[in-house]
Amino acid sequence: WSTLKAGRVVPGYGHAVLRKTDPRYVS
C-alpha cells in the first residue's frame, strides 16, 4: 500500500495481454 500510495506501480504485476498469473511466472 505504501508503494501504491506513493504513486508507484507494483513492478512485475499486471500484463498488457494476460489476465491471469503468467504461466512463465509459475514455471
PDB file of all heavy atoms in Angstrom:
ATOM      1  N   TRP A   1       0.825  -1.205   0.000  1.00  0.00           N
ATOM      2  CA  TRP A   1       0.000   0.000   0.000  1.00  0.00           C
ATOM      3  C   TRP A   1       0.865   1.264   0.000  1.00  0.00           C
ATOM      4  O   TRP A   1       0.520   2.267  -0.655  1.00  0.00           O
ATOM      5  CB  TRP A   1      -0.948   0.012   1.204  1.00  0.00           C
ATOM      6  CG  TRP A   1      -2.204  -0.764   0.957  1.00  0.00           C
ATOM      7  CD1 TRP A   1      -2.601  -1.917   1.566  1.00  0.00           C
ATOM      8  CD2 TRP A   1      -3.234  -0.432   0.029  1.00  0.00           C
ATOM      9  NE1 TRP A   1      -3.802  -2.340   1.063  1.00  0.00           N
ATOM     10  CE2 TRP A   1      -4.224  -1.457   0.122  1.00  0.00           C
ATOM     11  CE3 TRP A   1      -3.425   0.595  -0.895  1.00  0.00           C
ATOM     12  CZ2 TRP A   1      -5.376  -1.447  -0.663  1.00  0.00           C
ATOM     13  CZ3 TRP A   1      -4.575   0.603  -1.670  1.00  0.00           C
ATOM     14  CH2 TRP A   1      -5.533  -0.411  -1.544  1.00  0.00           C
ATOM     15  N   SER A   2       1.994   1.227   0.690  1.00  0.00           N
ATOM     16  CA  SER A   2       2.875   2.400   0.692  1.00  0.00           C
ATOM     17  C   SER A   2       3.431   2.654  -0.705  1.00  0.00           C
ATOM     18  O   SER A   2       3.613   3.812  -1.107  1.00  0.00           O
ATOM     19  CB  SER A   2       4.018   2.197   1.693  1.00  0.00           C
ATOM     20  OG  SER A   2       4.928   1.197   1.251  1.00  0.00           O
ATOM     21  N   THR A   3       3.694   1.580  -1.442  1.00  0.00           N
ATOM     22  CA  THR A   3       4.161   1.722  -2.824  1.00  0.00           C
ATOM     23  C   THR A   3       3.094   2.381  -3.686  1.00  0.00           C
ATOM     24  O   THR A   3       3.365   3.320  -4.435  1.00  0.00           O
ATOM     25  CB  THR A   3       4.522   0.344  -3.415  1.00  0.00           C
ATOM     26  OG1 THR A   3       5.613  -0.227  -2.686  1.00  0.00           O
ATOM     27  CG2 THR A   3       4.922   0.462  -4.881  1.00  0.00           C
ATOM     28  N   LEU A   4       1.866   1.885  -3.574  1.00  0.00           N
ATOM     29  CA  LEU A   4       0.765   2.412  -4.390  1.00  0.00           C
ATOM     30  C   LEU A   4       0.420   3.849  -4.012  1.00  0.00           C
ATOM     31  O   LEU A   4       0.184   4.694  -4.885  1.00  0.00           O
ATOM     32  CB  LEU A   4      -0.458   1.512  -4.233  1.00  0.00           C
ATOM     33  CG  LEU A   4      -0.312   0.083  -4.782  1.00  0.00           C
ATOM     34  CD1 LEU A   4      -1.501  -0.771  -4.363  1.00  0.00           C
ATOM     35  CD2 LEU A   4      -0.182   0.100  -6.305  1.00  0.00           C
ATOM     36  N   LYS A   5       0.384   4.149  -2.716  1.00  0.00           N
ATOM     37  CA  LYS A   5       0.029   5.499  -2.270  1.00  0.00           C
ATOM     38  C   LYS A   5       1.100   6.520  -2.620  1.00  0.00           C
ATOM     39  O   LYS A   5       0.821   7.731  -2.658  1.00  0.00           O
ATOM     40  CB  LYS A   5      -0.235   5.487  -0.763  1.00  0.00           C
ATOM     41  CG  LYS A   5      -1.522   4.747  -0.386  1.00  0.00           C
ATOM     42  CD  LYS A   5      -1.732   4.704   1.126  1.00  0.00           C
ATOM     43  CE  LYS A   5      -3.022   3.966   1.478  1.00  0.00           C
ATOM     44  NZ  LYS A   5      -3.230   3.879   2.954  1.00  0.00           N
ATOM     45  N   ALA A   6       2.310   6.029  -2.885  1.00  0.00           N
ATOM     46  CA  ALA A   6       3.383   6.928  -3.307  1.00  0.00           C
ATOM     47  C   ALA A   6       3.312   7.216  -4.802  1.00  0.00           C
ATOM     48  O   ALA A   6       4.173   7.905  -5.352  1.00  0.00           O
ATOM     49  CB  ALA A   6       4.739   6.321  -2.953  1.00  0.00           C
ATOM     50  N   GLY A   7       2.288   6.678  -5.460  1.00  0.00           N
ATOM     51  CA  GLY A   7       2.118   6.905  -6.892  1.00  0.00           C
ATOM     52  C   GLY A   7       2.948   5.982  -7.759  1.00  0.00           C
ATOM     53  O   GLY A   7       3.093   6.227  -8.960  1.00  0.00           O
ATOM     54  N   ARG A   8       3.489   4.940  -7.170  1.00  0.00           N
ATOM     55  CA  ARG A   8       4.292   3.973  -7.905  1.00  0.00           C
ATOM     56  C   ARG A   8       3.455   2.741  -8.221  1.00  0.00           C
ATOM     57  O   ARG A   8       2.430   2.486  -7.591  1.00  0.00           O
ATOM     58  CB  ARG A   8       5.518   3.565  -7.076  1.00  0.00           C
ATOM     59  CG  ARG A   8       6.425   4.716  -6.704  1.00  0.00           C
ATOM     60  CD  ARG A   8       7.461   4.298  -5.668  1.00  0.00           C
ATOM     61  NE  ARG A   8       8.329   3.233  -6.159  1.00  0.00           N
ATOM     62  CZ  ARG A   8       9.164   2.545  -5.373  1.00  0.00           C
ATOM     63  NH1 ARG A   8       9.215   2.795  -4.067  1.00  0.00           N
ATOM     64  NH2 ARG A   8       9.928   1.601  -5.905  1.00  0.00           N
ATOM     65  N   VAL A   9       3.911   1.988  -9.194  1.00  0.00           N
ATOM     66  CA  VAL A   9       3.262   0.717  -9.502  1.00  0.00           C
ATOM     67  C   VAL A   9       3.978  -0.390  -8.739  1.00  0.00           C
ATOM     68  O   VAL A   9       5.112  -0.211  -8.274  1.00  0.00           O
ATOM     69  CB  VAL A   9       3.295   0.405 -11.015  1.00  0.00           C
ATOM     70  CG1 VAL A   9       2.567   1.474 -11.796  1.00  0.00           C
ATOM     71  CG2 VAL A   9       4.743   0.268 -11.512  1.00  0.00           C
ATOM     72  N   VAL A  10       3.320  -1.530  -8.610  1.00  0.00           N
ATOM     73  CA  VAL A  10       3.973  -2.710  -8.057  1.00  0.00           C
ATOM     74  C   VAL A  10       4.644  -3.417  -9.225  1.00  0.00           C
ATOM     75  O   VAL A  10       3.964  -4.005 -10.063  1.00  0.00           O
ATOM     76  CB  VAL A  10       2.961  -3.646  -7.363  1.00  0.00           C
ATOM     77  CG1 VAL A  10       3.636  -4.936  -6.901  1.00  0.00           C
ATOM     78  CG2 VAL A  10       2.315  -2.930  -6.175  1.00  0.00           C
ATOM     79  N   PRO A  11       5.952  -3.350  -9.354  1.00  0.00           N
ATOM     80  CA  PRO A  11       6.626  -3.898 -10.530  1.00  0.00           C
ATOM     81  C   PRO A  11       6.484  -5.411 -10.612  1.00  0.00           C
ATOM     82  O   PRO A  11       6.516  -6.117  -9.599  1.00  0.00           O
ATOM     83  CB  PRO A  11       8.087  -3.485 -10.327  1.00  0.00           C
ATOM     84  CG  PRO A  11       8.228  -3.288  -8.862  1.00  0.00           C
ATOM     85  CD  PRO A  11       6.906  -2.776  -8.380  1.00  0.00           C
ATOM     86  N   GLY A  12       6.314  -5.891 -11.840  1.00  0.00           N
ATOM     87  CA  GLY A  12       6.174  -7.337 -12.036  1.00  0.00           C
ATOM     88  C   GLY A  12       4.751  -7.829 -11.959  1.00  0.00           C
ATOM     89  O   GLY A  12       4.505  -9.031 -12.149  1.00  0.00           O
ATOM     90  N   TYR A  13       3.808  -6.918 -11.718  1.00  0.00           N
ATOM     91  CA  TYR A  13       2.403  -7.319 -11.627  1.00  0.00           C
ATOM     92  C   TYR A  13       1.591  -6.597 -12.694  1.00  0.00           C
ATOM     93  O   TYR A  13       1.798  -5.415 -12.966  1.00  0.00           O
ATOM     94  CB  TYR A  13       1.842  -7.028 -10.230  1.00  0.00           C
ATOM     95  CG  TYR A  13       2.218  -8.123  -9.261  1.00  0.00           C
ATOM     96  CD1 TYR A  13       3.527  -8.243  -8.816  1.00  0.00           C
ATOM     97  CD2 TYR A  13       1.292  -9.078  -8.844  1.00  0.00           C
ATOM     98  CE1 TYR A  13       3.909  -9.269  -7.966  1.00  0.00           C
ATOM     99  CE2 TYR A  13       1.662 -10.113  -7.994  1.00  0.00           C
ATOM    100  CZ  TYR A  13       2.971 -10.198  -7.569  1.00  0.00           C
ATOM    101  OH  TYR A  13       3.340 -11.234  -6.743  1.00  0.00           O
ATOM    102  N   GLY A  14       0.685  -7.356 -13.327  1.00  0.00           N
ATOM    103  CA  GLY A  14      -0.080  -6.846 -14.447  1.00  0.00           C
ATOM    104  C   GLY A  14       0.576  -7.241 -15.755  1.00  0.00           C
ATOM    105  O   GLY A  14       1.780  -7.539 -15.815  1.00  0.00           O
ATOM    106  N   HIS A  15      -0.223  -7.272 -16.796  1.00  0.00           N
ATOM    107  CA  HIS A  15       0.277  -7.636 -18.117  1.00  0.00           C
ATOM    108  C   HIS A  15      -0.662  -7.075 -19.164  1.00  0.00           C
ATOM    109  O   HIS A  15      -1.879  -7.058 -18.973  1.00  0.00           O
ATOM    110  CB  HIS A  15       0.382  -9.155 -18.259  1.00  0.00           C
ATOM    111  CG  HIS A  15       1.170  -9.606 -19.449  1.00  0.00           C
ATOM    112  ND1 HIS A  15       0.614  -9.684 -20.707  1.00  0.00           N
ATOM    113  CD2 HIS A  15       2.456  -9.980 -19.593  1.00  0.00           C
ATOM    114  CE1 HIS A  15       1.530 -10.104 -21.561  1.00  0.00           C
ATOM    115  NE2 HIS A  15       2.663 -10.288 -20.918  1.00  0.00           N
ATOM    116  N   ALA A  16      -0.087  -6.621 -20.270  1.00  0.00           N
ATOM    117  CA  ALA A  16      -0.904  -5.987 -21.311  1.00  0.00           C
ATOM    118  C   ALA A  16      -1.851  -6.961 -21.987  1.00  0.00           C
ATOM    119  O   ALA A  16      -2.887  -6.560 -22.521  1.00  0.00           O
ATOM    120  CB  ALA A  16       0.004  -5.339 -22.349  1.00  0.00           C
ATOM    121  N   VAL A  17      -1.511  -8.236 -21.974  1.00  0.00           N
ATOM    122  CA  VAL A  17      -2.309  -9.237 -22.684  1.00  0.00           C
ATOM    123  C   VAL A  17      -2.954 -10.235 -21.728  1.00  0.00           C
ATOM    124  O   VAL A  17      -4.154 -10.519 -21.803  1.00  0.00           O
ATOM    125  CB  VAL A  17      -1.449  -9.989 -23.724  1.00  0.00           C
ATOM    126  CG1 VAL A  17      -2.273 -11.081 -24.418  1.00  0.00           C
ATOM    127  CG2 VAL A  17      -0.897  -9.010 -24.763  1.00  0.00           C
ATOM    128  N   LEU A  18      -2.160 -10.784 -20.825  1.00  0.00           N
ATOM    129  CA  LEU A  18      -2.660 -11.826 -19.932  1.00  0.00           C
ATOM    130  C   LEU A  18      -3.608 -11.263 -18.879  1.00  0.00           C
ATOM    131  O   LEU A  18      -3.469 -10.121 -18.447  1.00  0.00           O
ATOM    132  CB  LEU A  18      -1.489 -12.522 -19.234  1.00  0.00           C
ATOM    133  CG  LEU A  18      -0.490 -13.247 -20.148  1.00  0.00           C
ATOM    134  CD1 LEU A  18       0.665 -13.780 -19.326  1.00  0.00           C
ATOM    135  CD2 LEU A  18      -1.177 -14.382 -20.890  1.00  0.00           C
ATOM    136  N   ARG A  19      -4.547 -12.067 -18.463  1.00  0.00           N
ATOM    137  CA  ARG A  19      -5.486 -11.686 -17.415  1.00  0.00           C
ATOM    138  C   ARG A  19      -5.520 -12.734 -16.302  1.00  0.00           C
ATOM    139  O   ARG A  19      -6.529 -12.937 -15.636  1.00  0.00           O
ATOM    140  CB  ARG A  19      -6.898 -11.479 -18.006  1.00  0.00           C
ATOM    141  CG  ARG A  19      -6.998 -10.289 -18.951  1.00  0.00           C
ATOM    142  CD  ARG A  19      -6.780  -8.981 -18.215  1.00  0.00           C
ATOM    143  NE  ARG A  19      -6.765  -7.836 -19.111  1.00  0.00           N
ATOM    144  CZ  ARG A  19      -5.668  -7.279 -19.598  1.00  0.00           C
ATOM    145  NH1 ARG A  19      -4.483  -7.783 -19.287  1.00  0.00           N
ATOM    146  NH2 ARG A  19      -5.733  -6.234 -20.393  1.00  0.00           N
ATOM    147  N   LYS A  20      -4.405 -13.390 -16.114  1.00  0.00           N
ATOM    148  CA  LYS A  20      -4.247 -14.367 -15.037  1.00  0.00           C
ATOM    149  C   LYS A  20      -2.761 -14.456 -14.728  1.00  0.00           C
ATOM    150  O   LYS A  20      -1.942 -13.800 -15.368  1.00  0.00           O
ATOM    151  CB  LYS A  20      -4.788 -15.726 -15.467  1.00  0.00           C
ATOM    152  CG  LYS A  20      -4.084 -16.319 -16.687  1.00  0.00           C
ATOM    153  CD  LYS A  20      -4.685 -17.657 -17.067  1.00  0.00           C
ATOM    154  CE  LYS A  20      -3.966 -18.257 -18.284  1.00  0.00           C
ATOM    155  NZ  LYS A  20      -4.546 -19.565 -18.664  1.00  0.00           N
ATOM    156  N   THR A  21      -2.394 -15.255 -13.728  1.00  0.00           N
ATOM    157  CA  THR A  21      -0.986 -15.415 -13.413  1.00  0.00           C
ATOM    158  C   THR A  21      -0.234 -15.933 -14.628  1.00  0.00           C
ATOM    159  O   THR A  21      -0.626 -16.920 -15.249  1.00  0.00           O
ATOM    160  CB  THR A  21      -0.804 -16.404 -12.239  1.00  0.00           C
ATOM    161  OG1 THR A  21      -1.477 -15.886 -11.087  1.00  0.00           O
ATOM    162  CG2 THR A  21       0.666 -16.603 -11.918  1.00  0.00           C
ATOM    163  N   ASP A  22       0.837 -15.248 -14.981  1.00  0.00           N
ATOM    164  CA  ASP A  22       1.642 -15.605 -16.138  1.00  0.00           C
ATOM    165  C   ASP A  22       2.195 -17.026 -15.953  1.00  0.00           C
ATOM    166  O   ASP A  22       2.869 -17.300 -14.952  1.00  0.00           O
ATOM    167  CB  ASP A  22       2.792 -14.601 -16.262  1.00  0.00           C
ATOM    168  CG  ASP A  22       3.543 -14.677 -17.573  1.00  0.00           C
ATOM    169  OD1 ASP A  22       3.575 -15.770 -18.173  1.00  0.00           O
ATOM    170  OD2 ASP A  22       4.103 -13.642 -17.988  1.00  0.00           O
ATOM    171  N   PRO A  23       1.914 -17.947 -16.878  1.00  0.00           N
ATOM    172  CA  PRO A  23       2.445 -19.309 -16.736  1.00  0.00           C
ATOM    173  C   PRO A  23       3.967 -19.349 -16.694  1.00  0.00           C
ATOM    174  O   PRO A  23       4.559 -20.277 -16.145  1.00  0.00           O
ATOM    175  CB  PRO A  23       1.895 -20.047 -17.957  1.00  0.00           C
ATOM    176  CG  PRO A  23       1.495 -18.983 -18.930  1.00  0.00           C
ATOM    177  CD  PRO A  23       1.081 -17.822 -18.093  1.00  0.00           C
ATOM    178  N   ARG A  24       4.619 -18.345 -17.244  1.00  0.00           N
ATOM    179  CA  ARG A  24       6.085 -18.269 -17.175  1.00  0.00           C
ATOM    180  C   ARG A  24       6.536 -17.947 -15.758  1.00  0.00           C
ATOM    181  O   ARG A  24       7.596 -18.400 -15.310  1.00  0.00           O
ATOM    182  CB  ARG A  24       6.603 -17.225 -18.171  1.00  0.00           C
ATOM    183  CG  ARG A  24       6.264 -17.548 -19.623  1.00  0.00           C
ATOM    184  CD  ARG A  24       6.539 -16.370 -20.534  1.00  0.00           C
ATOM    185  NE  ARG A  24       5.751 -15.206 -20.142  1.00  0.00           N
ATOM    186  CZ  ARG A  24       5.914 -13.978 -20.637  1.00  0.00           C
ATOM    187  NH1 ARG A  24       6.845 -13.757 -21.554  1.00  0.00           N
ATOM    188  NH2 ARG A  24       5.158 -12.978 -20.232  1.00  0.00           N
ATOM    189  N   TYR A  25       5.728 -17.183 -15.031  1.00  0.00           N
ATOM    190  CA  TYR A  25       5.995 -16.953 -13.610  1.00  0.00           C
ATOM    191  C   TYR A  25       5.857 -18.259 -12.843  1.00  0.00           C
ATOM    192  O   TYR A  25       6.693 -18.588 -11.995  1.00  0.00           O
ATOM    193  CB  TYR A  25       5.023 -15.911 -13.050  1.00  0.00           C
ATOM    194  CG  TYR A  25       5.124 -15.709 -11.551  1.00  0.00           C
ATOM    195  CD1 TYR A  25       5.958 -14.725 -11.029  1.00  0.00           C
ATOM    196  CD2 TYR A  25       4.400 -16.502 -10.662  1.00  0.00           C
ATOM    197  CE1 TYR A  25       6.068 -14.537  -9.660  1.00  0.00           C
ATOM    198  CE2 TYR A  25       4.507 -16.331  -9.295  1.00  0.00           C
ATOM    199  CZ  TYR A  25       5.342 -15.347  -8.805  1.00  0.00           C
ATOM    200  OH  TYR A  25       5.458 -15.179  -7.439  1.00  0.00           O
ATOM    201  N   VAL A  26       4.814 -18.998 -13.151  1.00  0.00           N
ATOM    202  CA  VAL A  26       4.566 -20.269 -12.457  1.00  0.00           C
ATOM    203  C   VAL A  26       5.719 -21.240 -12.663  1.00  0.00           C
ATOM    204  O   VAL A  26       6.161 -21.917 -11.723  1.00  0.00           O
ATOM    205  CB  VAL A  26       3.242 -20.898 -12.940  1.00  0.00           C
ATOM    206  CG1 VAL A  26       3.048 -22.274 -12.318  1.00  0.00           C
ATOM    207  CG2 VAL A  26       2.064 -19.993 -12.607  1.00  0.00           C
ATOM    208  N   SER A  27       6.248 -21.305 -13.866  1.00  0.00           N
ATOM    209  CA  SER A  27       7.344 -22.232 -14.135  1.00  0.00           C
ATOM    210  C   SER A  27       8.592 -21.846 -13.341  1.00  0.00           C
ATOM    211  O   SER A  27       9.320 -22.725 -12.846  1.00  0.00           O
ATOM    212  CB  SER A  27       7.652 -22.268 -15.636  1.00  0.00           C
ATOM    213  OG  SER A  27       8.145 -21.025 -16.096  1.00  0.00           O
TER     214      SER A  27
END
